[in-house]
PDB file of N, CA and C in Angstrom:
ATOM      1  N   MET A   1      -6.967  -6.416  13.550  1.00  0.00           N
ATOM      2  CA  MET A   1      -6.593  -5.188  12.763  1.00  0.00           C
ATOM      3  C   MET A   1      -6.431  -4.131  14.093  1.00  0.00           C
ATOM      4  N   GLY A   2      -5.797  -3.494  13.720  1.00  0.00           N
ATOM      5  CA  GLY A   2      -4.855  -2.685  15.346  1.00  0.00           C
ATOM      6  C   GLY A   2      -5.350  -1.136  13.713  1.00  0.00           C
ATOM      7  N   LEU A   3      -5.590  -0.368  14.618  1.00  0.00           N
ATOM      8  CA  LEU A   3      -6.132   1.086  14.027  1.00  0.00           C
ATOM      9  C   LEU A   3      -4.477   1.397  12.621  1.00  0.00           C
ATOM     10  N   ASP A   4      -3.429   1.113  13.657  1.00  0.00           N
ATOM     11  CA  ASP A   4      -2.163   1.591  12.315  1.00  0.00           C
ATOM     12  C   ASP A   4      -1.728   0.384  11.687  1.00  0.00           C
ATOM     13  N   ASP A   5      -2.267  -0.533  11.250  1.00  0.00           N
ATOM     14  CA  ASP A   5      -2.577  -1.110  10.666  1.00  0.00           C
ATOM     15  C   ASP A   5      -3.567  -0.233   9.423  1.00  0.00           C
ATOM     16  N   LYS A   6      -4.896  -0.740   9.959  1.00  0.00           N
ATOM     17  CA  LYS A   6      -5.307  -0.209   9.224  1.00  0.00           C
ATOM     18  C   LYS A   6      -5.129   1.827   7.915  1.00  0.00           C
ATOM     19  N   ILE A   7      -4.166   2.276   8.555  1.00  0.00           N
ATOM     20  CA  ILE A   7      -4.109   3.330   8.555  1.00  0.00           C
ATOM     21  C   ILE A   7      -3.109   3.217   8.104  1.00  0.00           C
ATOM     22  N   SER A   8      -2.043   2.679   7.835  1.00  0.00           N
ATOM     23  CA  SER A   8      -1.120   2.179   6.821  1.00  0.00           C
ATOM     24  C   SER A   8      -1.242   1.895   5.331  1.00  0.00           C
ATOM     25  N   ASN A   9      -3.175   0.865   5.785  1.00  0.00           N
ATOM     26  CA  ASN A   9      -2.640   0.354   4.550  1.00  0.00           C
ATOM     27  C   ASN A   9      -4.008   1.379   3.913  1.00  0.00           C
ATOM     28  N   ALA A  10      -4.654   2.332   4.657  1.00  0.00           N
ATOM     29  CA  ALA A  10      -5.328   2.925   3.637  1.00  0.00           C
ATOM     30  C   ALA A  10      -4.101   4.347   2.669  1.00  0.00           C
ATOM     31  N   ALA A  11      -2.508   4.759   4.281  1.00  0.00           N
ATOM     32  CA  ALA A  11      -1.872   5.566   3.356  1.00  0.00           C
ATOM     33  C   ALA A  11      -1.262   4.642   1.419  1.00  0.00           C
ATOM     34  N   GLU A  12      -0.809   3.528   2.620  1.00  0.00           N
ATOM     35  CA  GLU A  12      -0.362   2.900   1.002  1.00  0.00           C
ATOM     36  C   GLU A  12      -1.111   2.842  -0.034  1.00  0.00           C
ATOM     37  N   GLU A  13      -2.527   3.471  -0.753  1.00  0.00           N
ATOM     38  CA  GLU A  13      -3.278   2.974  -0.858  1.00  0.00           C
ATOM     39  C   GLU A  13      -4.147   3.485  -1.136  1.00  0.00           C
ATOM     40  N   ALA A  14      -3.344   5.175  -0.637  1.00  0.00           N
ATOM     41  CA  ALA A  14      -3.959   6.082  -1.163  1.00  0.00           C
ATOM     42  C   ALA A  14      -2.290   6.605  -1.985  1.00  0.00           C
ATOM     43  N   LYS A  15      -0.912   6.682  -1.845  1.00  0.00           N
ATOM     44  CA  LYS A  15      -0.036   6.926  -2.107  1.00  0.00           C
ATOM     45  C   LYS A  15      -0.260   6.007  -4.145  1.00  0.00           C
ATOM     46  N   GLY A  16      -1.131   5.061  -3.355  1.00  0.00           N
ATOM     47  CA  GLY A  16      -0.077   3.978  -4.934  1.00  0.00           C
ATOM     48  C   GLY A  16      -1.612   4.384  -6.011  1.00  0.00           C
ATOM     49  N   LYS A  17      -3.001   5.814  -5.323  1.00  0.00           N
ATOM     50  CA  LYS A  17      -3.562   6.576  -6.388  1.00  0.00           C
ATOM     51  C   LYS A  17      -2.899   7.753  -7.082  1.00  0.00           C
ATOM     52  N   VAL A  18      -1.868   8.046  -5.869  1.00  0.00           N
ATOM     53  CA  VAL A  18      -1.506   9.146  -6.489  1.00  0.00           C
ATOM     54  C   VAL A  18      -0.301   9.398  -7.690  1.00  0.00           C
ATOM     55  N   LYS A  19       0.220   7.941  -7.197  1.00  0.00           N
ATOM     56  CA  LYS A  19       1.478   7.565  -8.541  1.00  0.00           C
ATOM     57  C   LYS A  19       0.271   6.651  -9.746  1.00  0.00           C
ATOM     58  N   GLU A  20       0.156   6.271  -9.860  1.00  0.00           N
ATOM     59  CA  GLU A  20      -1.537   5.936 -10.638  1.00  0.00           C
ATOM     60  C   GLU A  20      -1.855   6.798 -11.441  1.00  0.00           C
ATOM     61  N   SER A  21      -2.407   7.622 -10.311  1.00  0.00           N
ATOM     62  CA  SER A  21      -3.091   9.481 -11.962  1.00  0.00           C
ATOM     63  C   SER A  21      -1.527  10.118 -12.159  1.00  0.00           C
ATOM     64  N   ALA A  22      -0.854  10.123 -11.650  1.00  0.00           N
ATOM     65  CA  ALA A  22       0.370  11.098 -11.647  1.00  0.00           C
ATOM     66  C   ALA A  22       0.993  10.389 -13.014  1.00  0.00           C
ATOM     67  N   GLY A  23       1.420   9.117 -13.121  1.00  0.00           N
ATOM     68  CA  GLY A  23       1.339   7.990 -14.462  1.00  0.00           C
ATOM     69  C   GLY A  23       0.317   8.782 -15.607  1.00  0.00           C
ATOM     70  N   LYS A  24      -0.289   8.272 -15.350  1.00  0.00           N
ATOM     71  CA  LYS A  24      -1.889   8.418 -16.439  1.00  0.00           C
ATOM     72  C   LYS A  24      -1.591  10.211 -17.147  1.00  0.00           C
ATOM     73  N   ALA A  25      -1.661  10.851 -15.630  1.00  0.00           N
ATOM     74  CA  ALA A  25      -1.704  12.610 -16.390  1.00  0.00           C
ATOM     75  C   ALA A  25       0.264  12.525 -17.360  1.00  0.00           C
ATOM     76  N   THR A  26       1.224  11.474 -16.968  1.00  0.00           N
ATOM     77  CA  THR A  26       2.815  12.246 -17.605  1.00  0.00           C
ATOM     78  C   THR A  26       3.226  11.336 -18.146  1.00  0.00           C
ATOM     79  N   ASP A  27       2.583  10.435 -19.371  1.00  0.00           N
ATOM     80  CA  ASP A  27       2.242   9.442 -19.693  1.00  0.00           C
ATOM     81  C   ASP A  27       3.798   8.918 -19.036  1.00  0.00           C
ATOM     82  N   ASP A  28       3.524   7.996 -18.657  1.00  0.00           N
ATOM     83  CA  ASP A  28       4.592   7.592 -17.467  1.00  0.00           C
ATOM     84  C   ASP A  28       4.202   6.673 -16.737  1.00  0.00           C
ATOM     85  N   GLU A  29       4.303   5.285 -17.545  1.00  0.00           N
ATOM     86  CA  GLU A  29       3.621   4.115 -18.057  1.00  0.00           C
ATOM     87  C   GLU A  29       4.083   2.670 -16.457  1.00  0.00           C
ATOM     88  N   ARG A  30       5.528   3.493 -16.197  1.00  0.00           N
ATOM     89  CA  ARG A  30       6.190   2.332 -14.887  1.00  0.00           C
ATOM     90  C   ARG A  30       5.388   3.752 -13.882  1.00  0.00           C
ATOM     91  N   LEU A  31       5.240   4.605 -13.632  1.00  0.00           N
ATOM     92  CA  LEU A  31       5.108   5.103 -12.472  1.00  0.00           C
ATOM     93  C   LEU A  31       3.477   5.086 -12.586  1.00  0.00           C
ATOM     94  N   GLU A  32       2.820   5.410 -13.284  1.00  0.00           N
ATOM     95  CA  GLU A  32       1.239   3.945 -13.021  1.00  0.00           C
ATOM     96  C   GLU A  32       1.094   2.659 -13.233  1.00  0.00           C
ATOM     97  N   ARG A  33       2.131   2.062 -13.519  1.00  0.00           N
ATOM     98  CA  ARG A  33       2.068   0.513 -13.153  1.00  0.00           C
ATOM     99  C   ARG A  33       3.139   0.662 -10.977  1.00  0.00           C
ATOM    100  N   GLU A  34       3.469   0.896 -11.031  1.00  0.00           N
ATOM    101  CA  GLU A  34       3.909   1.275  -9.414  1.00  0.00           C
ATOM    102  C   GLU A  34       2.283   1.841  -8.554  1.00  0.00           C
ATOM    103  N   GLY A  35       1.536   3.004  -9.632  1.00  0.00           N
ATOM    104  CA  GLY A  35       0.787   3.136  -8.367  1.00  0.00           C
ATOM    105  C   GLY A  35      -0.103   1.712  -8.110  1.00  0.00           C
ATOM    106  N   LYS A  36      -0.214   1.245  -9.325  1.00  0.00           N
ATOM    107  CA  LYS A  36      -1.196   0.192  -9.054  1.00  0.00           C
ATOM    108  C   LYS A  36      -0.766  -0.857  -8.296  1.00  0.00           C
ATOM    109  N   ALA A  37       0.309  -1.408  -8.903  1.00  0.00           N
ATOM    110  CA  ALA A  37       0.993  -2.579  -7.666  1.00  0.00           C
ATOM    111  C   ALA A  37       0.839  -1.520  -6.192  1.00  0.00           C
ATOM    112  N   ASP A  38       1.372  -0.669  -6.109  1.00  0.00           N
ATOM    113  CA  ASP A  38       0.964  -0.227  -4.524  1.00  0.00           C
ATOM    114  C   ASP A  38      -0.532  -0.422  -4.263  1.00  0.00           C
ATOM    115  N   GLN A  39      -1.511   0.226  -4.675  1.00  0.00           N
ATOM    116  CA  GLN A  39      -2.885  -0.171  -4.682  1.00  0.00           C
ATOM    117  C   GLN A  39      -3.170  -1.971  -3.676  1.00  0.00           C
ATOM    118  N   ALA A  40      -2.769  -2.563  -5.330  1.00  0.00           N
ATOM    119  CA  ALA A  40      -2.479  -4.130  -5.006  1.00  0.00           C
ATOM    120  C   ALA A  40      -2.245  -4.762  -3.424  1.00  0.00           C
ATOM    121  N   SER A  41      -1.166  -3.781  -3.436  1.00  0.00           N
ATOM    122  CA  SER A  41      -0.644  -4.895  -2.486  1.00  0.00           C
ATOM    123  C   SER A  41      -1.514  -4.224  -0.695  1.00  0.00           C
ATOM    124  N   ALA A  42      -1.535  -3.134  -1.216  1.00  0.00           N
ATOM    125  CA  ALA A  42      -2.587  -2.489   0.277  1.00  0.00           C
ATOM    126  C   ALA A  42      -4.001  -3.484   0.574  1.00  0.00           C
ATOM    127  N   ASN A  43      -4.487  -4.012  -0.694  1.00  0.00           N
ATOM    128  CA  ASN A  43      -5.178  -4.247  -0.949  1.00  0.00           C
ATOM    129  C   ASN A  43      -4.961  -6.503  -0.559  1.00  0.00           C
ATOM    130  N   ILE A  44      -4.242  -6.549  -0.670  1.00  0.00           N
ATOM    131  CA  ILE A  44      -3.914  -7.286  -0.384  1.00  0.00           C
ATOM    132  C   ILE A  44      -4.196  -7.891   1.141  1.00  0.00           C
ATOM    133  N   LYS A  45      -2.891  -6.938   1.399  1.00  0.00           N
ATOM    134  CA  LYS A  45      -2.291  -6.317   3.153  1.00  0.00           C
ATOM    135  C   LYS A  45      -4.004  -6.242   3.161  1.00  0.00           C
ATOM    136  N   GLN A  46      -4.854  -5.518   3.143  1.00  0.00           N
ATOM    137  CA  GLN A  46      -6.141  -5.911   4.457  1.00  0.00           C
ATOM    138  C   GLN A  46      -7.299  -6.365   4.288  1.00  0.00           C
ATOM    139  N   ALA A  47      -6.970  -7.167   2.864  1.00  0.00           N
ATOM    140  CA  ALA A  47      -6.924  -8.575   2.510  1.00  0.00           C
ATOM    141  C   ALA A  47      -7.064  -9.564   4.069  1.00  0.00           C
ATOM    142  N   GLY A  48      -5.692  -9.478   4.150  1.00  0.00           N
ATOM    143  CA  GLY A  48      -5.285 -10.639   4.846  1.00  0.00           C
ATOM    144  C   GLY A  48      -5.186 -10.103   7.038  1.00  0.00           C
ATOM    145  N   GLU A  49      -5.584  -8.612   6.565  1.00  0.00           N
ATOM    146  CA  GLU A  49      -6.304  -8.424   8.717  1.00  0.00           C
ATOM    147  C   GLU A  49      -7.589  -8.440   8.397  1.00  0.00           C
ATOM    148  N   ASN A  50      -7.970  -8.923   7.553  1.00  0.00           N
ATOM    149  CA  ASN A  50      -9.796  -8.616   7.664  1.00  0.00           C
ATOM    150  C   ASN A  50      -9.976 -10.146   8.026  1.00  0.00           C
ATOM    151  N   VAL A  51      -8.749 -11.016   7.038  1.00  0.00           N
ATOM    152  CA  VAL A  51      -9.411 -12.382   7.821  1.00  0.00           C
ATOM    153  C   VAL A  51      -9.112 -13.134   9.119  1.00  0.00           C
ATOM    154  N   LYS A  52      -8.057 -12.141   9.444  1.00  0.00           N
ATOM    155  CA  LYS A  52      -7.430 -12.348  11.265  1.00  0.00           C
ATOM    156  C   LYS A  52      -8.747 -11.827  12.676  1.00  0.00           C
ATOM    157  N   ASP A  53      -9.295 -11.063  11.345  1.00  0.00           N
ATOM    158  CA  ASP A  53     -10.604 -10.424  12.424  1.00  0.00           C
ATOM    159  C   ASP A  53     -11.688 -11.641  12.438  1.00  0.00           C
ATOM    160  N   ALA A  54     -11.738 -11.740  11.668  1.00  0.00           N
ATOM    161  CA  ALA A  54     -12.716 -12.530  11.218  1.00  0.00           C
ATOM    162  C   ALA A  54     -13.096 -13.898  11.942  1.00  0.00           C
ATOM    163  N   PHE A  55     -11.799 -14.084  12.207  1.00  0.00           N
ATOM    164  CA  PHE A  55     -11.487 -15.454  13.134  1.00  0.00           C
ATOM    165  C   PHE A  55     -11.002 -15.407  15.093  1.00  0.00           C
ATOM    166  N   LYS A  56     -11.213 -13.757  15.593  1.00  0.00           N
ATOM    167  CA  LYS A  56     -10.758 -13.897  15.989  1.00  0.00           C
ATOM    168  C   LYS A  56     -11.605 -14.134  16.874  1.00  0.00           C
TER     169      LYS A  56
END
């Protein structure tokens, strides 16, 4: 897994956490759900990259 991928996944997860927190703070359920979805997406990508690394 390249460093660029790791940074990209970490940035996407951080963005999701910010969205989720902002959604909670403003009672915006849609924004909160988007944040959780962004985090889940980043975690899935990270898991896929970890599997690739395990077979190198």
